[in-house]
Amino acid sequence: MKNIIIFGAPGSGKGTYSAEIKKRYGMGHISTGDVLRAEIKNNTDLGKLAKGYIDQGQLIPDQLMIDILAVQYDSHPQGCGVIFDGFPRTIAQAEALKKMLAERGHTLGMMIELIVGEDILMERLLRRAVLEGREDDNEETIRKRFAVYHSQTEPLSKWFEQEGIRHTFSWDICKTKEGMLEAIFAEIEKENK
């Protein structure tokens, strides 16, 4: 199985679709959000450092994330592929991830981009804040995260396109979670023939 990078704005469904892909294909899954939240919950030095960035709506420094991801990646069985959920978020991170994988004889694989309108994203994130009690999901922080996404992360979409691995899936076209999954699964199977 090829590695998969799942890409999209905050609230676009990266975690939801990653879980479904993992379940269907038995892939590994690395969610930078989950990894960081665990570090914060356990009050580790990394967690304290990460919390400072997250509370400001900022991204974690690249080298810190690559070091964390390398350890996580190496813990998964070879050959079944890994889903990168929430990383990379900048071109520099993408290049660092590509290098880290190349050092292991692996490639980025394919990028799945989830395209969802910002009004829908805001509604989802505010609902998630209530359901999951996530303090990082308040309207002010969400708007900061959208601004960071547009300025730093969105340009990465073109980088993936130049790499020849970008595949886009639009909520406006698919309309439902099931419709999105059907389109995503079809593309994964086509890429892994």
Protein backbone atom coordinates (compact mmCIF):
# COMPACT_ATOMS: atom_id res chain seq x y z
CA MET A 1 0.00 0.00 0.00
CA LYS A 2 1.17 3.51 -0.78
CA ASN A 3 1.46 6.02 2.06
CA ILE A 4 -1.39 8.54 2.15
CA ILE A 5 -1.27 12.17 3.21
CA ILE A 6 -4.74 13.38 4.16
CA PHE A 7 -4.99 17.12 3.68
CA GLY A 8 -7.56 19.82 4.34
CA ALA A 9 -8.56 22.78 6.47
CA PRO A 10 -9.34 22.36 10.20
CA GLY A 11 -12.67 20.51 10.49
CA SER A 12 -12.59 19.07 6.95
CA GLY A 13 -12.78 15.50 8.25
CA LYS A 14 -9.14 14.39 8.16
CA GLY A 15 -9.51 12.24 11.30
CA THR A 16 -12.86 10.81 10.25
CA TYR A 17 -11.72 9.79 6.76
CA SER A 18 -8.35 8.55 8.06
CA ALA A 19 -10.16 6.17 10.45
CA GLU A 20 -12.31 4.80 7.62
CA ILE A 21 -9.29 4.33 5.31
CA LYS A 22 -7.35 2.62 8.12
CA LYS A 23 -10.28 0.29 8.87
CA ARG A 24 -10.77 -0.67 5.21
CA TYR A 25 -7.13 -1.18 4.21
CA GLY A 26 -5.38 -2.03 7.50
CA MET A 27 -2.96 0.88 7.15
CA GLY A 28 -1.01 2.58 9.91
CA HIS A 29 -2.27 5.99 11.05
CA ILE A 30 -0.32 8.91 12.44
CA SER A 31 -2.43 11.83 13.62
CA THR A 32 -0.19 14.68 14.66
CA GLY A 33 -3.14 16.14 16.58
CA ASP A 34 -3.64 12.94 18.60
CA VAL A 35 0.10 12.58 19.23
CA LEU A 36 0.37 16.19 20.42
CA ARG A 37 -2.81 16.01 22.56
CA ALA A 38 -1.42 12.88 24.29
CA GLU A 39 1.86 14.70 25.01
CA ILE A 40 -0.08 17.70 26.40
CA LYS A 41 -2.36 15.49 28.51
CA ASN A 42 0.67 13.68 29.94
CA ASN A 43 2.28 17.07 30.64
CA THR A 44 5.57 16.05 29.02
CA ASP A 45 8.22 18.64 28.12
CA LEU A 46 7.16 18.28 24.47
CA GLY A 47 3.53 18.64 25.53
CA LYS A 48 4.21 21.87 27.40
CA LEU A 49 6.13 23.26 24.43
CA ALA A 50 3.44 22.18 21.96
CA LYS A 51 0.63 23.63 24.12
CA GLY A 52 2.21 27.08 23.93
CA TYR A 53 2.11 27.00 20.11
CA ILE A 54 -1.38 25.47 19.91
CA ASP A 55 -2.88 27.96 22.38
CA GLN A 56 -1.69 30.76 20.07
CA GLY A 57 -3.16 29.02 16.99
CA GLN A 58 0.39 28.52 15.64
CA LEU A 59 2.08 25.53 14.01
CA ILE A 60 4.59 23.31 15.86
CA PRO A 61 8.22 23.82 14.67
CA ASP A 62 9.11 21.57 11.72
CA GLN A 63 12.08 19.67 13.14
CA LEU A 64 10.17 18.85 16.30
CA MET A 65 7.32 17.36 14.25
CA ILE A 66 9.64 15.41 11.91
CA ASP A 67 11.44 13.87 14.89
CA ILE A 68 8.11 12.83 16.43
CA LEU A 69 6.83 11.47 13.11
CA ALA A 70 9.99 9.46 12.38
CA VAL A 71 9.59 7.57 15.67
CA GLN A 72 5.88 7.00 15.02
CA TYR A 73 6.47 5.94 11.38
CA ASP A 74 9.16 3.44 12.32
CA SER A 75 6.78 1.78 14.81
CA HIS A 76 4.39 0.69 12.00
CA PRO A 77 4.83 -2.56 10.02
CA GLN A 78 6.63 -2.14 6.67
CA GLY A 79 4.57 -2.42 3.49
CA CYS A 80 1.06 -1.73 4.78
CA GLY A 81 1.36 2.03 4.27
CA VAL A 82 0.78 4.86 6.72
CA ILE A 83 -1.81 7.63 6.70
CA PHE A 84 -0.37 11.02 7.67
CA ASP A 85 -3.23 12.96 9.22
CA GLY A 86 -2.55 16.65 9.86
CA PHE A 87 1.00 16.67 8.51
CA PRO A 88 2.67 18.13 6.54
CA ARG A 89 1.22 21.65 6.81
CA THR A 90 3.92 23.65 5.03
CA ILE A 91 6.15 23.13 2.00
CA ALA A 92 9.20 22.91 4.28
CA GLN A 93 7.48 20.14 6.28
CA ALA A 94 6.52 18.30 3.07
CA GLU A 95 10.12 18.42 1.86
CA ALA A 96 11.36 17.21 5.27
CA LEU A 97 8.81 14.37 5.27
CA LYS A 98 9.78 13.40 1.72
CA LYS A 99 13.44 13.29 2.82
CA MET A 100 12.66 11.28 5.98
CA LEU A 101 10.71 8.73 3.93
CA ALA A 102 13.39 8.58 1.18
CA GLU A 103 15.99 7.75 3.86
CA ARG A 104 13.88 4.64 4.53
CA GLY A 105 13.43 3.83 0.83
CA HIS A 106 9.78 5.00 0.86
CA THR A 107 7.77 7.71 -0.90
CA LEU A 108 5.02 10.17 0.03
CA GLY A 109 2.55 7.98 -1.89
CA MET A 110 -0.64 9.93 -2.58
CA MET A 111 -2.25 13.08 -1.17
CA ILE A 112 -5.99 13.18 -0.55
CA GLU A 113 -7.28 16.77 -0.32
CA LEU A 114 -10.65 17.35 1.37
CA ILE A 115 -12.31 20.54 0.11
CA VAL A 116 -15.09 21.89 2.36
CA GLY A 117 -16.55 25.42 2.58
CA GLU A 118 -15.46 27.56 5.55
CA ASP A 119 -19.02 28.08 6.85
CA ILE A 120 -19.48 24.30 7.13
CA LEU A 121 -16.04 23.98 8.75
CA MET A 122 -16.85 26.59 11.42
CA GLU A 123 -20.15 24.86 12.24
CA ARG A 124 -18.40 21.46 12.53
CA LEU A 125 -15.60 22.78 14.73
CA LEU A 126 -17.92 24.59 17.13
CA ARG A 127 -20.08 21.45 17.40
CA ARG A 128 -16.96 19.33 18.01
CA ALA A 129 -15.85 21.75 20.76
CA VAL A 130 -19.10 21.10 22.63
CA LEU A 131 -19.16 17.32 22.03
CA GLU A 132 -15.48 16.67 22.81
CA GLY A 133 -14.82 19.51 25.25
CA ARG A 134 -11.90 20.75 23.12
CA GLU A 135 -10.70 24.09 24.44
CA ASP A 136 -8.74 24.78 21.23
CA ASP A 137 -12.03 24.91 19.28
CA ASN A 138 -13.46 28.35 20.08
CA GLU A 139 -14.45 30.83 17.38
CA GLU A 140 -11.45 33.14 17.84
CA THR A 141 -8.89 30.32 17.74
CA ILE A 142 -10.69 28.67 14.81
CA ARG A 143 -10.46 31.91 12.80
CA LYS A 144 -6.73 32.11 13.60
CA ARG A 145 -6.33 28.49 12.50
CA PHE A 146 -8.13 29.25 9.22
CA ALA A 147 -5.81 32.25 8.65
CA VAL A 148 -2.73 30.08 9.31
CA TYR A 149 -4.16 27.39 7.02
CA HIS A 150 -4.73 29.86 4.16
CA SER A 151 -1.35 31.56 4.48
CA GLN A 152 0.92 28.62 5.31
CA THR A 153 -0.81 25.33 4.51
CA GLU A 154 -3.00 25.92 1.44
CA PRO A 155 0.03 26.71 -0.83
CA LEU A 156 1.18 23.14 -0.14
CA SER A 157 -1.68 21.90 -2.33
CA LYS A 158 0.16 23.18 -5.43
CA TRP A 159 3.39 21.54 -4.22
CA PHE A 160 1.60 18.16 -4.06
CA GLU A 161 0.19 18.80 -7.53
CA GLN A 162 3.70 19.42 -8.87
CA GLU A 163 4.79 16.16 -7.21
CA GLY A 164 1.99 14.47 -9.21
CA ILE A 165 0.28 12.97 -6.15
CA ARG A 166 -2.63 15.37 -5.43
CA HIS A 167 -6.19 13.98 -5.52
CA THR A 168 -9.07 16.33 -4.58
CA PHE A 169 -12.47 15.45 -3.11
CA SER A 170 -15.07 18.20 -2.73
CA TRP A 171 -17.95 18.18 -0.23
CA ASP A 172 -19.93 20.33 -2.72
CA ILE A 173 -19.74 17.50 -5.28
CA CYS A 174 -19.95 14.42 -3.03
CA LYS A 175 -22.55 15.94 -0.60
CA THR A 176 -22.25 13.23 2.11
CA LYS A 177 -19.62 11.39 4.14
CA GLU A 178 -20.54 8.20 2.27
CA GLY A 179 -20.17 9.94 -1.09
CA MET A 180 -16.75 11.26 -0.08
CA LEU A 181 -15.64 7.81 1.11
CA GLU A 182 -16.81 6.10 -2.06
CA ALA A 183 -14.79 8.53 -4.20
CA ILE A 184 -11.72 8.28 -1.92
CA PHE A 185 -11.76 4.47 -1.83
CA ALA A 186 -12.06 4.31 -5.63
CA GLU A 187 -9.00 6.56 -6.01
CA ILE A 188 -6.95 4.61 -3.45
CA GLU A 189 -7.71 1.35 -5.24
CA LYS A 190 -6.83 2.86 -8.61
CA GLU A 191 -3.49 4.17 -7.23
CA ASN A 192 -2.60 0.81 -5.64
CA LYS A 193 -3.27 -1.49 -8.64
